[in-house]
């Protein structure tokens, strides 16, 4: 028989700080979150989808967010369970069973701060 280990989820948190501008659409936070989740999971023209054993730079999101008309002040990310905010992560996380974790992201783990 063939057996395999399913990788554990390794949730990633992204923190984005941007300039509050009344000219931005009312749903700008939804647009930013959708862009991040879609790029993270499906890739885009500027980078491939995020997978295990890849390095993901939060700056890879910059162009897409700025194309929405947002002026960025800062961007950081970290694993949800531990770690300090950083500009890049080598996504090679060992899960609780010793398997490599699969990086995941969802709306709840994207923090948007307007200044």
Protein backbone atom coordinates (compact mmCIF):
# COMPACT_ATOMS: atom_id res chain seq x y z
CA UNK A 1 0.00 0.00 0.00
CA UNK A 2 0.99 3.60 -0.57
CA UNK A 3 0.93 5.93 2.42
CA UNK A 4 1.89 9.56 2.92
CA UNK A 5 1.81 12.23 5.56
CA UNK A 6 -0.46 15.19 5.02
CA UNK A 7 1.45 18.38 5.85
CA UNK A 8 0.22 20.40 8.82
CA UNK A 9 -1.15 23.85 8.16
CA UNK A 10 1.23 26.67 9.03
CA UNK A 11 -0.91 29.83 9.24
CA UNK A 12 0.81 33.04 8.17
CA UNK A 13 -0.16 36.49 9.44
CA UNK A 14 0.32 39.62 7.33
CA UNK A 15 0.24 43.12 8.82
CA UNK A 16 -0.23 46.07 6.44
CA UNK A 17 -0.13 49.73 7.46
CA UNK A 18 -1.37 52.28 4.92
CA UNK A 19 -2.35 55.93 4.61
CA UNK A 20 -6.02 56.65 5.28
CA UNK A 21 -7.34 58.41 2.20
CA UNK A 22 -11.01 59.39 1.79
CA UNK A 23 -10.70 58.86 -1.97
CA UNK A 24 -10.18 55.12 -1.54
CA UNK A 25 -13.26 52.96 -2.20
CA UNK A 26 -15.37 51.99 0.81
CA UNK A 27 -14.46 48.32 0.32
CA UNK A 28 -10.68 48.88 0.08
CA UNK A 29 -9.95 46.56 3.01
CA UNK A 30 -11.89 43.75 1.33
CA UNK A 31 -10.01 44.41 -1.92
CA UNK A 32 -6.62 44.30 -0.13
CA UNK A 33 -7.48 41.10 1.73
CA UNK A 34 -8.77 39.41 -1.44
CA UNK A 35 -5.62 40.41 -3.32
CA UNK A 36 -3.36 38.98 -0.60
CA UNK A 37 -5.28 35.71 -0.24
CA UNK A 38 -5.55 35.22 -4.02
CA UNK A 39 -1.86 35.99 -4.63
CA UNK A 40 -0.78 33.80 -1.74
CA UNK A 41 -2.85 30.81 -2.84
CA UNK A 42 -3.01 31.17 -6.62
CA UNK A 43 0.00 33.27 -7.54
CA UNK A 44 0.00 36.21 -9.89
CA UNK A 45 1.97 37.59 -12.78
CA UNK A 46 4.68 38.77 -10.36
CA UNK A 47 5.19 35.59 -8.33
CA UNK A 48 4.08 31.94 -8.17
CA UNK A 49 1.73 30.55 -5.51
CA UNK A 50 3.29 30.17 -2.08
CA UNK A 51 4.23 26.58 -1.28
CA UNK A 52 6.33 24.64 1.18
CA UNK A 53 10.08 25.24 1.03
CA UNK A 54 9.81 28.54 -0.77
CA UNK A 55 10.81 31.99 0.36
CA UNK A 56 7.97 34.48 0.38
CA UNK A 57 8.73 38.19 0.56
CA UNK A 58 5.96 40.45 1.84
CA UNK A 59 7.21 43.02 -0.69
CA UNK A 60 5.83 40.72 -3.40
CA UNK A 61 2.43 42.13 -2.48
CA UNK A 62 3.48 45.79 -2.82
CA UNK A 63 2.74 46.36 -6.51
CA UNK A 64 -0.71 44.79 -6.35
CA UNK A 65 -1.73 46.77 -3.28
CA UNK A 66 -0.38 50.03 -4.69
CA UNK A 67 -2.29 49.37 -7.92
CA UNK A 68 -5.45 49.68 -5.81
CA UNK A 69 -4.44 53.29 -5.07
CA UNK A 70 -3.15 52.56 -1.56
CA UNK A 71 -0.08 54.32 -0.15
CA UNK A 72 1.75 51.72 1.93
CA UNK A 73 3.62 52.62 5.10
CA UNK A 74 4.78 49.19 6.24
CA UNK A 75 4.30 45.47 5.62
CA UNK A 76 5.39 42.56 7.79
CA UNK A 77 4.48 38.92 8.21
CA UNK A 78 5.02 36.10 10.66
CA UNK A 79 3.72 32.68 11.48
CA UNK A 80 0.56 32.94 13.55
CA UNK A 81 1.82 30.62 16.28
CA UNK A 82 5.17 32.30 16.93
CA UNK A 83 7.85 34.57 15.63
CA UNK A 84 8.56 38.24 15.26
CA UNK A 85 7.32 40.28 12.29
CA UNK A 86 9.72 40.03 9.33
CA UNK A 87 10.00 41.07 5.69
CA UNK A 88 10.46 37.52 4.36
CA UNK A 89 9.81 33.97 5.51
CA UNK A 90 11.42 30.74 4.39
CA UNK A 91 8.30 28.63 4.42
CA UNK A 92 9.84 25.38 5.57
CA UNK A 93 8.02 24.90 8.85
CA UNK A 94 8.06 21.57 10.66
CA UNK A 95 4.65 20.57 11.92
CA UNK A 96 3.73 18.76 15.13
CA UNK A 97 4.13 15.32 13.56
CA UNK A 98 7.53 16.16 12.07
CA UNK A 99 6.15 16.81 8.59
CA UNK A 100 6.77 20.05 6.73
CA UNK A 101 3.94 22.54 7.18
CA UNK A 102 1.96 23.98 4.29
CA UNK A 103 1.71 27.78 4.54
CA UNK A 104 -1.87 29.03 4.67
CA UNK A 105 -3.52 32.43 4.94
CA UNK A 106 -7.07 33.68 5.38
CA UNK A 107 -8.85 37.01 5.91
CA UNK A 108 -8.69 36.66 9.70
CA UNK A 109 -4.88 36.65 9.61
CA UNK A 110 -4.54 39.87 7.61
CA UNK A 111 -4.34 42.94 9.82
CA UNK A 112 -4.91 46.29 8.11
CA UNK A 113 -4.00 49.46 9.95
CA UNK A 114 -4.86 52.91 8.61
CA UNK A 115 -2.75 55.88 9.64
